[in-house]
Amino acid sequence: MSGIAFRASATPVAQAALAELTARHGQTALGHARVVVALGGDGFMLQTLHDTQSAGLPVYGMNCGTVGFLMNAYEPKGLADRLAAAEETVINPLHMRATTVGGRVVEALAINEVSMLRAGPQAAKLAIYVDGRLRLEELVCDGALLCTPAGSTAYNYSAHGPILPIGSDVLALTAVAAFRPRRWRGALLPKTAVVRFEVIHPDKRPVMADADGRSVRDVVSVEIRSEPEICHRILFDPGHGLEERLLVEQFA
């Protein structure tokens, strides 16, 4: 099968896979490709989705990393048949608009989650607004995050947030090590919700915001919403798509 644009992480395993697969299938420039094949782990898959966003091409990941939740198993043989049979999942990223203490505004997209994390020795204090309405006056915590269904098994899950079915059209708002309110575990919000975090005492209790690895320090407010105008197309082998993987995680 021609028309494949291969992308690989810098690890020796991924580079060896790149050499083997391009020897078999060649390398097509992104502007002329029909599909992107990403070789690496989940972090590299996210990077590839961001980097190739404007091309609008489906991305098929092959795991050359560790967990590989967003990836398919690595097997150099039969790639053309696997691509032809692959099932497509479409996901929308989150849009983050962060404002810093100095007034700088930073915008970024996140496929997994946008997180707020304390950046000093003291716990963060956050006020949480949903669609312009104050919902939690003060959350004392190590942080909080808003995640998509695709990202619900990542940082969200390790923070004891819920796993979201891929077609659920909801977002998970999850606290990270909440101290007050001690029993608050987060909320499920409609995909259309606009969430705003405001940092209380940002000079004394500094907070950083992070969108899929793009970090902004010393924020005073962060607004997050789903971005329906952008669609990421991810390919999976039949029977091993995101919906099935999310179900498997809940019974592991």
Protein backbone atom coordinates (compact mmCIF):
# COMPACT_ATOMS: atom_id res chain seq x y z
CA MET A 1 0.00 0.00 0.00
CA SER A 2 1.41 3.37 -0.98
CA GLY A 3 0.48 6.73 0.43
CA ILE A 4 1.71 6.12 4.00
CA ALA A 5 3.43 8.91 5.91
CA PHE A 6 5.44 7.28 8.70
CA ARG A 7 6.32 9.15 11.88
CA ALA A 8 8.52 7.70 14.64
CA SER A 9 9.70 8.73 18.07
CA ALA A 10 13.42 9.06 18.75
CA THR A 11 13.71 5.80 20.70
CA PRO A 12 15.91 3.05 19.18
CA VAL A 13 12.93 0.67 19.00
CA ALA A 14 10.78 3.14 17.08
CA GLN A 15 13.64 4.12 14.77
CA ALA A 16 14.32 0.47 13.96
CA ALA A 17 10.62 -0.01 13.19
CA LEU A 18 10.68 3.07 10.95
CA ALA A 19 13.63 1.71 8.97
CA GLU A 20 11.94 -1.67 8.48
CA LEU A 21 8.54 -0.29 7.48
CA THR A 22 9.84 2.38 5.09
CA ALA A 23 11.98 -0.28 3.42
CA ARG A 24 8.77 -2.27 2.83
CA HIS A 25 6.35 0.54 1.97
CA GLY A 26 8.37 3.65 1.19
CA GLN A 27 7.82 7.08 2.72
CA THR A 28 5.15 9.47 1.43
CA ALA A 29 5.20 13.20 2.13
CA LEU A 30 2.38 14.32 4.38
CA GLY A 31 0.78 16.44 1.66
CA HIS A 32 0.41 13.42 -0.62
CA ALA A 33 -0.38 10.74 1.98
CA ARG A 34 -3.64 8.91 2.58
CA VAL A 35 -2.81 7.81 6.13
CA VAL A 36 -0.25 8.53 8.86
CA VAL A 37 1.37 5.66 10.77
CA ALA A 38 2.83 6.69 14.12
CA LEU A 39 5.53 4.50 15.71
CA GLY A 40 6.06 5.07 19.41
CA GLY A 41 4.06 5.27 22.62
CA ASP A 42 0.94 7.16 23.67
CA GLY A 43 2.84 10.41 24.17
CA PHE A 44 4.19 10.26 20.64
CA MET A 45 0.72 9.45 19.33
CA LEU A 46 -0.62 12.63 20.92
CA GLN A 47 2.28 14.60 19.43
CA THR A 48 1.58 13.12 15.99
CA LEU A 49 -2.13 13.95 16.18
CA HIS A 50 -1.27 17.55 17.06
CA ASP A 51 1.46 17.83 14.41
CA THR A 52 -0.67 16.42 11.57
CA GLN A 53 -3.94 18.08 12.60
CA SER A 54 -4.10 20.41 9.60
CA ALA A 55 -3.71 17.52 7.15
CA GLY A 56 -6.99 15.91 8.27
CA LEU A 57 -5.59 12.41 7.76
CA PRO A 58 -6.41 9.32 9.81
CA VAL A 59 -3.59 8.22 12.13
CA TYR A 60 -2.82 4.57 12.83
CA GLY A 61 -0.51 4.00 15.79
CA MET A 62 1.80 1.03 16.26
CA ASN A 63 3.10 0.54 19.77
CA CYS A 64 6.84 0.88 20.19
CA GLY A 65 6.50 2.25 23.73
CA THR A 66 5.09 0.92 26.99
CA VAL A 67 1.33 1.13 27.63
CA GLY A 68 0.18 1.99 24.12
CA PHE A 69 -3.45 2.65 24.99
CA LEU A 70 -3.95 4.69 21.81
CA MET A 71 -1.85 2.31 19.72
CA ASN A 72 -2.22 -0.98 17.88
CA ALA A 73 0.18 -3.88 18.37
CA TYR A 74 3.42 -3.62 16.43
CA GLU A 75 3.74 -6.11 13.61
CA PRO A 76 5.67 -5.19 10.45
CA LYS A 77 3.92 -7.76 8.25
CA GLY A 78 0.46 -7.27 6.78
CA LEU A 79 0.28 -3.52 7.41
CA ALA A 80 -1.64 -2.80 4.19
CA ASP A 81 -4.36 -5.30 5.15
CA ARG A 82 -4.57 -3.93 8.68
CA LEU A 83 -4.96 -0.37 7.43
CA ALA A 84 -7.67 -1.44 4.99
CA ALA A 85 -9.62 -3.17 7.78
CA ALA A 86 -9.03 -0.57 10.49
CA GLU A 87 -11.97 1.09 12.25
CA GLU A 88 -11.99 4.86 12.69
CA THR A 89 -12.73 6.76 15.90
CA VAL A 90 -13.20 10.53 15.76
CA ILE A 91 -12.41 12.64 18.82
CA ASN A 92 -12.52 16.38 19.51
CA PRO A 93 -9.80 18.07 21.56
CA LEU A 94 -10.19 20.58 24.36
CA HIS A 95 -9.32 24.23 23.84
CA MET A 96 -7.45 25.93 26.71
CA ARG A 97 -7.20 29.68 27.16
CA ALA A 98 -4.87 30.46 30.07
CA THR A 99 -4.18 33.93 31.49
CA THR A 100 -1.04 34.48 33.56
CA VAL A 101 -0.29 36.83 36.45
CA GLY A 102 1.47 39.15 34.00
CA GLY A 103 -1.54 39.25 31.68
CA ARG A 104 -0.15 36.95 28.99
CA VAL A 105 -2.79 34.82 27.25
CA VAL A 106 -1.80 31.35 26.03
CA GLU A 107 -4.07 29.12 23.95
CA ALA A 108 -3.49 25.43 23.33
CA LEU A 109 -5.32 22.24 22.39
CA ALA A 110 -5.43 19.04 24.44
CA ILE A 111 -6.57 15.64 23.22
CA ASN A 112 -6.37 14.02 26.67
CA GLU A 113 -6.82 16.66 29.36
CA VAL A 114 -6.15 20.14 30.61
CA SER A 115 -4.80 20.08 34.15
CA MET A 116 -4.20 22.65 36.86
CA LEU A 117 -1.34 21.79 39.20
CA ARG A 118 0.16 23.49 42.19
CA ALA A 119 3.59 24.95 41.44
CA GLY A 120 4.77 25.67 44.97
CA PRO A 121 5.00 24.08 48.42
CA GLN A 122 1.44 24.99 49.40
CA ALA A 123 -1.78 23.46 48.12
CA ALA A 124 -3.57 25.27 45.32
CA LYS A 125 -6.86 27.05 45.93
CA LEU A 126 -9.20 27.08 42.94
CA ALA A 127 -12.66 28.47 42.26
CA ILE A 128 -14.58 26.51 39.60
CA TYR A 129 -17.16 28.01 37.23
CA VAL A 130 -19.28 26.03 34.79
CA ASP A 131 -20.97 27.98 31.99
CA GLY A 132 -20.32 31.20 33.88
CA ARG A 133 -21.89 30.02 37.14
CA LEU A 134 -19.80 29.52 40.27
CA ARG A 135 -20.09 25.84 41.20
CA LEU A 136 -17.30 25.43 43.75
CA GLU A 137 -16.16 28.47 45.68
CA GLU A 138 -12.90 27.00 46.94
CA LEU A 139 -11.18 23.73 46.12
CA VAL A 140 -8.02 23.18 48.16
CA CYS A 141 -5.99 20.58 46.30
CA ASP A 142 -2.82 19.56 44.52
CA GLY A 143 -4.69 20.24 41.30
CA ALA A 144 -7.71 19.56 39.11
CA LEU A 145 -8.27 18.51 35.52
CA LEU A 146 -10.85 18.36 32.79
CA CYS A 147 -10.55 15.40 30.43
CA THR A 148 -12.10 13.99 27.28
CA PRO A 149 -13.37 10.41 27.02
CA ALA A 150 -10.20 9.53 25.08
CA GLY A 151 -8.08 10.85 27.95
CA SER A 152 -10.16 9.45 30.79
CA THR A 153 -7.86 6.44 31.32
CA ALA A 154 -4.74 8.60 31.53
CA TYR A 155 -4.01 11.14 34.30
CA ASN A 156 -7.72 11.33 35.12
CA TYR A 157 -7.89 7.63 35.98
CA SER A 158 -4.78 7.77 38.16
CA ALA A 159 -6.47 10.63 40.05
CA HIS A 160 -9.46 8.29 40.67
CA GLY A 161 -11.62 9.94 38.03
CA PRO A 162 -14.23 7.97 36.04
CA ILE A 163 -13.62 6.15 32.78
CA LEU A 164 -15.85 7.66 30.09
CA PRO A 165 -17.32 5.73 27.15
CA ILE A 166 -15.87 7.12 23.94
CA GLY A 167 -19.27 8.18 22.54
CA SER A 168 -20.68 9.58 25.76
CA ASP A 169 -20.40 13.31 24.87
CA VAL A 170 -19.38 14.16 28.43
CA LEU A 171 -16.26 15.53 30.09
CA ALA A 172 -14.85 14.54 33.48
CA LEU A 173 -13.86 17.20 36.01
CA THR A 174 -11.61 15.54 38.57
CA ALA A 175 -9.77 16.79 41.64
CA VAL A 176 -6.15 15.80 42.28
CA ALA A 177 -5.58 15.07 46.00
CA ALA A 178 -8.44 17.27 47.22
CA PHE A 179 -8.06 18.47 50.82
CA ARG A 180 -11.21 20.61 51.03
CA PRO A 181 -13.98 19.74 50.35
CA ARG A 182 -12.50 16.44 51.47
CA ARG A 183 -15.24 14.30 49.96
CA TRP A 184 -15.49 16.11 46.62
CA ARG A 185 -14.47 13.71 43.86
CA GLY A 186 -15.37 15.75 40.80
CA ALA A 187 -18.24 16.00 38.34
CA LEU A 188 -19.47 14.76 34.97
CA LEU A 189 -20.28 17.61 32.60
CA PRO A 190 -21.89 17.79 29.16
CA LYS A 191 -19.44 18.11 26.29
CA THR A 192 -20.79 21.60 25.56
CA ALA A 193 -19.86 22.92 29.03
CA VAL A 194 -17.37 25.76 29.42
CA VAL A 195 -15.24 25.35 32.55
CA ARG A 196 -13.23 28.15 34.11
CA PHE A 197 -10.72 27.76 36.91
CA GLU A 198 -9.75 30.86 38.85
CA VAL A 199 -6.69 30.72 41.08
CA ILE A 200 -7.13 32.10 44.59
CA HIS A 201 -4.01 33.86 45.97
CA PRO A 202 -1.86 33.12 42.88
CA ASP A 203 1.08 35.03 44.38
CA LYS A 204 1.15 32.87 47.51
CA ARG A 205 -0.10 29.63 45.94
CA PRO A 206 1.22 29.54 42.33
CA VAL A 207 -0.46 27.24 39.84
CA MET A 208 0.55 25.97 36.41
CA ALA A 209 -1.75 24.81 33.63
CA ASP A 210 -0.90 21.99 31.25
CA ALA A 211 -2.52 20.98 27.95
CA ASP A 212 -1.11 17.67 26.68
CA GLY A 213 2.39 18.63 27.82
CA ARG A 214 2.28 22.33 26.93
CA SER A 215 2.71 24.05 30.28
CA VAL A 216 1.92 27.61 31.33
CA ARG A 217 3.22 28.82 34.69
CA ASP A 218 1.73 31.36 37.11
CA VAL A 219 -1.81 31.30 35.77
CA VAL A 220 -4.65 33.29 37.33
CA SER A 221 -7.47 31.82 35.25
CA VAL A 222 -7.95 29.04 32.72
CA GLU A 223 -11.00 28.58 30.50
CA ILE A 224 -11.59 25.20 28.84
CA ARG A 225 -14.12 24.07 26.27
CA SER A 226 -14.46 21.25 23.77
CA GLU A 227 -13.44 22.19 20.22
CA PRO A 228 -15.99 20.58 17.83
CA GLU A 229 -14.43 22.25 14.79
CA ILE A 230 -11.33 20.04 15.09
CA CYS A 231 -11.63 16.30 14.54
CA HIS A 232 -8.84 13.82 15.14
CA ARG A 233 -9.25 10.54 13.26
CA ILE A 234 -7.66 7.54 14.98
CA LEU A 235 -7.55 4.08 13.42
CA PHE A 236 -7.73 0.81 15.37
CA ASP A 237 -7.64 -2.85 14.46
CA PRO A 238 -11.16 -4.39 14.47
CA GLY A 239 -12.24 -5.36 17.97
CA HIS A 240 -9.50 -3.31 19.60
CA GLY A 241 -10.88 0.22 19.33
CA LEU A 242 -11.14 2.82 22.07
CA GLU A 243 -14.65 1.78 23.07
CA GLU A 244 -13.54 -1.81 23.68
CA ARG A 245 -10.38 -0.71 25.50
CA LEU A 246 -12.35 1.56 27.80
CA LEU A 247 -14.64 -1.34 28.70
CA VAL A 248 -11.70 -3.69 29.31
CA GLU A 249 -10.10 -1.15 31.67
CA GLN A 250 -13.23 -1.08 33.83
CA PHE A 251 -13.16 -4.85 34.37
CA ALA A 252 -9.40 -5.26 34.78
